[in-house]
Each structure stands twice: as structure tokens, then as C-alpha cells.
Amino acid sequence: MTTQITLYGIANCDTVKRARAWLSAAGVAYSFHDFKKAGVPADALDAWLGAAGWQRLLNRQGSTWRKLDAEQQAAVQDAASARALMLAMPSIIKRPVVQWPDKAITVGFDAVDWAERLKR
């Protein structure tokens, strides 16, 4: 039996919408965790930080980051400070975060990589 894929993100995020549409079109079963509505599970965040690193997980391109003042941005200097910010402001997490059946964690949507993962 295959463990289901879990896709974490925010429902109205365009990249999450594309990722969900891609999975559905490929006929791939997955569960969706909207961390804007359901929060970010702290243990899952710790796993993401361990797998991807805080620099990869922190979305410095998005509007949430840009709305922070310079002092708040400068305060994010390590995994602990990034973690605290991500728990307080889930929309600052780069999306989607996916936990694959083999327990691998990916951040962002990459159709080529995802297709390869599904072949494994």
C-alpha cells in the first residue's frame, strides 16, 4: 500500500493551485493541509527545516516578507529565528511543501522532478 502524499500550502496560492491541478491531472491521490486555516504543525515544520533548510523554506520573494520592516527581516538570521517567524506567519513559508511517500520533503513545484518521483 502506498502512503499518501501530503501537500502543505495555502489554498489561494497560485503555485499551490498549479501543483494541486498537476497532481489531480496525473491521477495522484494526495491530502492537502492548508496551513493558513489549520496552522503549521510544529513537528512538520521541524522536519521541513531539517530536510530543506531554513533558507530554502523562507519565502523572501513573497508579499508577506516584503511587508515586514527592515528590523524584522534582519532579525531572521538562523533556523530558530526563521522557525519562530514561520509559526507566527505561515504565509512566509515557500509553497508548496510536499511530503512524499518515501518521507522525502520538497519545497516548491517542479513538474519534472515530481514526475520523476512518481516513477520511483
N, C-alpha and C. Protein backbone atom coordinates (compact mmCIF):
# COMPACT_ATOMS: atom_id res chain seq x y z
N MET A 1 0.85 -1.19 0.00
CA MET A 1 0.00 0.00 0.00
C MET A 1 0.88 1.24 0.00
N THR A 2 0.56 2.19 -0.85
CA THR A 2 1.33 3.42 -0.96
C THR A 2 0.84 4.44 0.06
N THR A 3 1.78 5.03 0.77
CA THR A 3 1.43 6.10 1.68
C THR A 3 1.07 7.32 0.85
N GLN A 4 0.06 8.02 1.27
CA GLN A 4 -0.41 9.16 0.51
C GLN A 4 0.56 10.34 0.60
N ILE A 5 0.59 11.10 -0.44
CA ILE A 5 1.36 12.34 -0.50
C ILE A 5 0.60 13.39 0.30
N THR A 6 1.34 14.19 1.06
CA THR A 6 0.72 15.31 1.76
C THR A 6 1.30 16.60 1.19
N LEU A 7 0.42 17.46 0.71
CA LEU A 7 0.81 18.74 0.16
C LEU A 7 0.37 19.82 1.15
N TYR A 8 1.35 20.60 1.60
CA TYR A 8 1.09 21.69 2.54
C TYR A 8 1.19 23.01 1.80
N GLY A 9 0.28 23.91 2.10
CA GLY A 9 0.33 25.21 1.47
C GLY A 9 -0.86 26.05 1.85
N ILE A 10 -1.17 26.99 0.98
CA ILE A 10 -2.29 27.90 1.16
C ILE A 10 -3.16 27.78 -0.09
N ALA A 11 -4.44 27.58 0.11
CA ALA A 11 -5.35 27.27 -1.00
C ALA A 11 -5.35 28.32 -2.11
N ASN A 12 -5.23 29.59 -1.76
CA ASN A 12 -5.31 30.62 -2.80
C ASN A 12 -3.96 30.98 -3.41
N CYS A 13 -2.90 30.27 -3.06
CA CYS A 13 -1.57 30.50 -3.65
C CYS A 13 -1.56 29.93 -5.07
N ASP A 14 -1.13 30.73 -6.04
CA ASP A 14 -1.13 30.28 -7.43
C ASP A 14 -0.26 29.05 -7.65
N THR A 15 0.90 28.99 -7.01
CA THR A 15 1.78 27.83 -7.18
C THR A 15 1.14 26.59 -6.58
N VAL A 16 0.49 26.72 -5.45
CA VAL A 16 -0.21 25.59 -4.84
C VAL A 16 -1.35 25.14 -5.74
N LYS A 17 -2.07 26.08 -6.34
CA LYS A 17 -3.15 25.73 -7.27
C LYS A 17 -2.60 24.94 -8.45
N ARG A 18 -1.48 25.39 -9.02
CA ARG A 18 -0.86 24.66 -10.14
C ARG A 18 -0.43 23.26 -9.72
N ALA A 19 0.17 23.16 -8.53
CA ALA A 19 0.65 21.87 -8.04
C ALA A 19 -0.52 20.90 -7.82
N ARG A 20 -1.58 21.40 -7.22
CA ARG A 20 -2.75 20.55 -6.98
C ARG A 20 -3.39 20.12 -8.29
N ALA A 21 -3.48 21.04 -9.25
CA ALA A 21 -4.05 20.70 -10.55
C ALA A 21 -3.19 19.65 -11.25
N TRP A 22 -1.87 19.78 -11.14
CA TRP A 22 -0.95 18.83 -11.76
C TRP A 22 -1.14 17.44 -11.15
N LEU A 23 -1.20 17.37 -9.82
CA LEU A 23 -1.40 16.08 -9.16
C LEU A 23 -2.73 15.46 -9.56
N SER A 24 -3.77 16.26 -9.57
CA SER A 24 -5.09 15.75 -9.96
C SER A 24 -5.10 15.26 -11.40
N ALA A 25 -4.50 16.02 -12.30
CA ALA A 25 -4.44 15.62 -13.71
C ALA A 25 -3.66 14.33 -13.89
N ALA A 26 -2.66 14.12 -13.04
CA ALA A 26 -1.85 12.90 -13.11
C ALA A 26 -2.53 11.73 -12.40
N GLY A 27 -3.68 11.99 -11.79
CA GLY A 27 -4.41 10.93 -11.09
C GLY A 27 -3.75 10.50 -9.80
N VAL A 28 -3.02 11.41 -9.18
CA VAL A 28 -2.28 11.10 -7.95
C VAL A 28 -3.11 11.49 -6.73
N ALA A 29 -3.30 10.54 -5.84
CA ALA A 29 -4.02 10.81 -4.59
C ALA A 29 -3.10 11.59 -3.65
N TYR A 30 -3.66 12.59 -3.01
CA TYR A 30 -2.88 13.37 -2.06
C TYR A 30 -3.83 14.00 -1.05
N SER A 31 -3.29 14.37 0.08
CA SER A 31 -4.08 15.15 1.03
C SER A 31 -3.51 16.55 1.06
N PHE A 32 -4.38 17.53 1.31
CA PHE A 32 -3.97 18.92 1.32
C PHE A 32 -4.14 19.48 2.72
N HIS A 33 -3.09 20.10 3.23
CA HIS A 33 -3.12 20.75 4.54
C HIS A 33 -2.93 22.25 4.30
N ASP A 34 -4.00 23.00 4.50
CA ASP A 34 -3.95 24.45 4.34
C ASP A 34 -3.44 25.06 5.64
N PHE A 35 -2.18 25.47 5.63
CA PHE A 35 -1.64 25.96 6.89
C PHE A 35 -2.04 27.39 7.21
N LYS A 36 -2.75 28.02 6.33
CA LYS A 36 -3.33 29.33 6.66
C LYS A 36 -4.56 29.11 7.54
N LYS A 37 -5.30 28.02 7.26
CA LYS A 37 -6.50 27.71 8.03
C LYS A 37 -6.23 26.77 9.21
N ALA A 38 -5.39 25.77 8.99
CA ALA A 38 -5.18 24.74 10.01
C ALA A 38 -3.88 24.94 10.79
N GLY A 39 -3.11 25.94 10.43
CA GLY A 39 -1.85 26.18 11.13
C GLY A 39 -0.74 25.30 10.60
N VAL A 40 0.46 25.63 11.02
CA VAL A 40 1.63 24.85 10.63
C VAL A 40 1.95 23.90 11.78
N PRO A 41 1.91 22.60 11.54
CA PRO A 41 2.27 21.66 12.60
C PRO A 41 3.76 21.84 12.95
N ALA A 42 4.04 22.13 14.20
CA ALA A 42 5.42 22.41 14.62
C ALA A 42 6.36 21.25 14.30
N ASP A 43 5.90 20.01 14.52
CA ASP A 43 6.76 18.87 14.23
C ASP A 43 7.03 18.74 12.73
N ALA A 44 6.03 19.03 11.92
CA ALA A 44 6.22 19.00 10.46
C ALA A 44 7.20 20.10 10.05
N LEU A 45 7.05 21.30 10.62
CA LEU A 45 7.97 22.40 10.31
C LEU A 45 9.40 22.01 10.66
N ASP A 46 9.58 21.35 11.78
CA ASP A 46 10.93 20.91 12.17
C ASP A 46 11.50 19.93 11.14
N ALA A 47 10.65 19.04 10.64
CA ALA A 47 11.10 18.09 9.60
C ALA A 47 11.46 18.83 8.32
N TRP A 48 10.66 19.82 7.95
CA TRP A 48 10.93 20.60 6.74
C TRP A 48 12.25 21.36 6.88
N LEU A 49 12.44 21.96 8.04
CA LEU A 49 13.69 22.71 8.28
C LEU A 49 14.89 21.79 8.20
N GLY A 50 14.75 20.58 8.76
CA GLY A 50 15.84 19.61 8.71
C GLY A 50 16.13 19.12 7.31
N ALA A 51 15.08 18.95 6.52
CA ALA A 51 15.24 18.40 5.17
C ALA A 51 15.66 19.46 4.15
N ALA A 52 15.07 20.64 4.24
CA ALA A 52 15.28 21.64 3.20
C ALA A 52 16.16 22.81 3.65
N GLY A 53 16.23 23.04 4.96
CA GLY A 53 16.97 24.19 5.46
C GLY A 53 16.10 25.43 5.51
N TRP A 54 16.37 26.28 6.46
CA TRP A 54 15.51 27.46 6.65
C TRP A 54 15.62 28.45 5.49
N GLN A 55 16.80 28.53 4.87
CA GLN A 55 16.96 29.48 3.77
C GLN A 55 16.06 29.11 2.59
N ARG A 56 15.92 27.83 2.32
CA ARG A 56 15.07 27.36 1.21
C ARG A 56 13.59 27.52 1.55
N LEU A 57 13.25 27.32 2.80
CA LEU A 57 11.86 27.34 3.24
C LEU A 57 11.30 28.75 3.41
N LEU A 58 12.15 29.70 3.71
CA LEU A 58 11.72 31.08 3.94
C LEU A 58 11.52 31.79 2.60
N ASN A 59 10.30 32.23 2.35
CA ASN A 59 9.97 32.87 1.08
C ASN A 59 10.27 34.37 1.16
N ARG A 60 11.44 34.74 0.69
CA ARG A 60 11.83 36.15 0.70
C ARG A 60 11.34 36.91 -0.52
N GLN A 61 10.65 36.22 -1.43
CA GLN A 61 10.14 36.85 -2.65
C GLN A 61 8.68 37.28 -2.49
N GLY A 62 8.00 36.75 -1.50
CA GLY A 62 6.57 37.00 -1.39
C GLY A 62 6.21 38.30 -0.69
N SER A 63 4.92 38.62 -0.78
CA SER A 63 4.43 39.87 -0.20
C SER A 63 4.52 39.88 1.32
N THR A 64 4.40 38.72 1.96
CA THR A 64 4.49 38.69 3.43
C THR A 64 5.86 39.16 3.89
N TRP A 65 6.91 38.70 3.22
CA TRP A 65 8.27 39.13 3.56
C TRP A 65 8.45 40.62 3.28
N ARG A 66 7.97 41.05 2.14
CA ARG A 66 8.13 42.47 1.76
C ARG A 66 7.40 43.41 2.71
N LYS A 67 6.34 42.93 3.35
CA LYS A 67 5.58 43.77 4.28
C LYS A 67 6.28 43.91 5.64
N LEU A 68 7.24 43.04 5.91
CA LEU A 68 7.99 43.16 7.16
C LEU A 68 8.90 44.38 7.09
N ASP A 69 9.10 45.02 8.23
CA ASP A 69 10.04 46.14 8.21
C ASP A 69 11.47 45.60 8.23
N ALA A 70 12.41 46.46 7.96
CA ALA A 70 13.82 46.05 7.83
C ALA A 70 14.33 45.38 9.10
N GLU A 71 13.88 45.85 10.25
CA GLU A 71 14.32 45.27 11.52
C GLU A 71 13.82 43.83 11.67
N GLN A 72 12.56 43.60 11.29
CA GLN A 72 12.01 42.24 11.36
C GLN A 72 12.74 41.31 10.39
N GLN A 73 13.03 41.80 9.19
CA GLN A 73 13.75 40.98 8.22
C GLN A 73 15.15 40.67 8.72
N ALA A 74 15.82 41.67 9.27
CA ALA A 74 17.20 41.48 9.76
C ALA A 74 17.26 40.52 10.94
N ALA A 75 16.17 40.39 11.67
CA ALA A 75 16.15 39.51 12.85
C ALA A 75 16.16 38.03 12.47
N VAL A 76 15.86 37.72 11.21
CA VAL A 76 15.85 36.32 10.76
C VAL A 76 17.26 35.97 10.30
N GLN A 77 18.00 35.33 11.20
CA GLN A 77 19.41 35.04 10.92
C GLN A 77 19.80 33.58 11.06
N ASP A 78 18.88 32.76 11.53
CA ASP A 78 19.20 31.35 11.72
C ASP A 78 17.91 30.53 11.72
N ALA A 79 18.07 29.22 11.87
CA ALA A 79 16.90 28.34 11.81
C ALA A 79 15.89 28.66 12.92
N ALA A 80 16.37 28.98 14.11
CA ALA A 80 15.46 29.25 15.23
C ALA A 80 14.62 30.50 14.98
N SER A 81 15.25 31.57 14.51
CA SER A 81 14.50 32.80 14.25
C SER A 81 13.57 32.64 13.05
N ALA A 82 14.00 31.89 12.04
CA ALA A 82 13.14 31.63 10.88
C ALA A 82 11.94 30.77 11.31
N ARG A 83 12.18 29.76 12.14
CA ARG A 83 11.11 28.89 12.62
C ARG A 83 10.05 29.69 13.36
N ALA A 84 10.49 30.57 14.26
CA ALA A 84 9.55 31.38 15.03
C ALA A 84 8.69 32.24 14.11
N LEU A 85 9.31 32.83 13.10
CA LEU A 85 8.58 33.66 12.15
C LEU A 85 7.60 32.82 11.34
N MET A 86 8.01 31.64 10.92
CA MET A 86 7.14 30.77 10.12
C MET A 86 5.94 30.29 10.92
N LEU A 87 6.13 30.02 12.20
CA LEU A 87 4.99 29.62 13.03
C LEU A 87 4.03 30.79 13.24
N ALA A 88 4.58 31.99 13.38
CA ALA A 88 3.75 33.17 13.60
C ALA A 88 3.07 33.64 12.31
N MET A 89 3.75 33.46 11.18
CA MET A 89 3.25 33.95 9.88
C MET A 89 3.41 32.85 8.83
N PRO A 90 2.51 31.87 8.83
CA PRO A 90 2.65 30.73 7.91
C PRO A 90 2.79 31.11 6.44
N SER A 91 2.23 32.22 6.03
CA SER A 91 2.30 32.58 4.62
C SER A 91 3.70 32.98 4.19
N ILE A 92 4.64 33.04 5.12
CA ILE A 92 6.02 33.35 4.76
C ILE A 92 6.80 32.09 4.35
N ILE A 93 6.13 30.94 4.45
CA ILE A 93 6.76 29.68 4.05
C ILE A 93 6.60 29.51 2.54
N LYS A 94 7.70 29.18 1.86
CA LYS A 94 7.65 28.92 0.42
C LYS A 94 6.76 27.71 0.19
N ARG A 95 5.95 27.79 -0.86
CA ARG A 95 4.94 26.76 -1.08
C ARG A 95 5.04 26.18 -2.49
N PRO A 96 4.50 24.99 -2.64
CA PRO A 96 4.02 24.06 -1.62
C PRO A 96 5.18 23.30 -0.98
N VAL A 97 4.92 22.79 0.20
CA VAL A 97 5.84 21.84 0.84
C VAL A 97 5.15 20.49 0.69
N VAL A 98 5.90 19.50 0.20
CA VAL A 98 5.31 18.19 -0.04
C VAL A 98 6.09 17.13 0.71
N GLN A 99 5.35 16.27 1.41
CA GLN A 99 5.95 15.08 2.00
C GLN A 99 5.54 13.91 1.11
N TRP A 100 6.54 13.28 0.53
CA TRP A 100 6.33 12.18 -0.41
C TRP A 100 6.24 10.86 0.35
N PRO A 101 5.73 9.82 -0.32
CA PRO A 101 5.59 8.52 0.34
C PRO A 101 6.90 7.98 0.94
N ASP A 102 8.04 8.33 0.32
CA ASP A 102 9.33 7.85 0.86
C ASP A 102 9.85 8.75 1.98
N LYS A 103 9.00 9.66 2.45
CA LYS A 103 9.31 10.61 3.53
C LYS A 103 10.18 11.78 3.09
N ALA A 104 10.55 11.84 1.81
CA ALA A 104 11.31 12.99 1.30
C ALA A 104 10.43 14.23 1.38
N ILE A 105 11.08 15.37 1.54
CA ILE A 105 10.40 16.66 1.61
C ILE A 105 10.90 17.51 0.45
N THR A 106 9.97 18.11 -0.30
CA THR A 106 10.36 19.06 -1.33
C THR A 106 9.64 20.38 -1.07
N VAL A 107 10.25 21.46 -1.57
CA VAL A 107 9.68 22.79 -1.42
C VAL A 107 9.56 23.41 -2.81
N GLY A 108 8.37 23.89 -3.12
CA GLY A 108 8.13 24.46 -4.43
C GLY A 108 7.56 23.42 -5.38
N PHE A 109 7.14 23.88 -6.55
CA PHE A 109 6.55 22.99 -7.54
C PHE A 109 7.48 22.87 -8.74
N ASP A 110 7.85 21.63 -9.04
CA ASP A 110 8.70 21.33 -10.18
C ASP A 110 8.13 20.08 -10.84
N ALA A 111 7.39 20.27 -11.93
CA ALA A 111 6.69 19.17 -12.59
C ALA A 111 7.63 18.05 -13.02
N VAL A 112 8.80 18.39 -13.52
CA VAL A 112 9.75 17.38 -13.98
C VAL A 112 10.22 16.53 -12.80
N ASP A 113 10.61 17.19 -11.71
CA ASP A 113 11.04 16.47 -10.51
C ASP A 113 9.91 15.62 -9.95
N TRP A 114 8.73 16.17 -9.91
CA TRP A 114 7.59 15.43 -9.36
C TRP A 114 7.28 14.19 -10.21
N ALA A 115 7.33 14.33 -11.53
CA ALA A 115 7.08 13.19 -12.40
C ALA A 115 8.10 12.08 -12.16
N GLU A 116 9.36 12.48 -11.97
CA GLU A 116 10.41 11.50 -11.66
C GLU A 116 10.15 10.81 -10.34
N ARG A 117 9.74 11.56 -9.34
CA ARG A 117 9.46 10.99 -8.02
C ARG A 117 8.32 9.97 -8.09
N LEU A 118 7.33 10.24 -8.91
CA LEU A 118 6.18 9.34 -9.01
C LEU A 118 6.53 8.04 -9.73
N LYS A 119 7.60 8.04 -10.50
CA LYS A 119 8.04 6.83 -11.19
C LYS A 119 8.75 5.86 -10.24
N ARG A 120 9.25 6.38 -9.15
CA ARG A 120 10.04 5.56 -8.21
C ARG A 120 9.21 4.55 -7.50
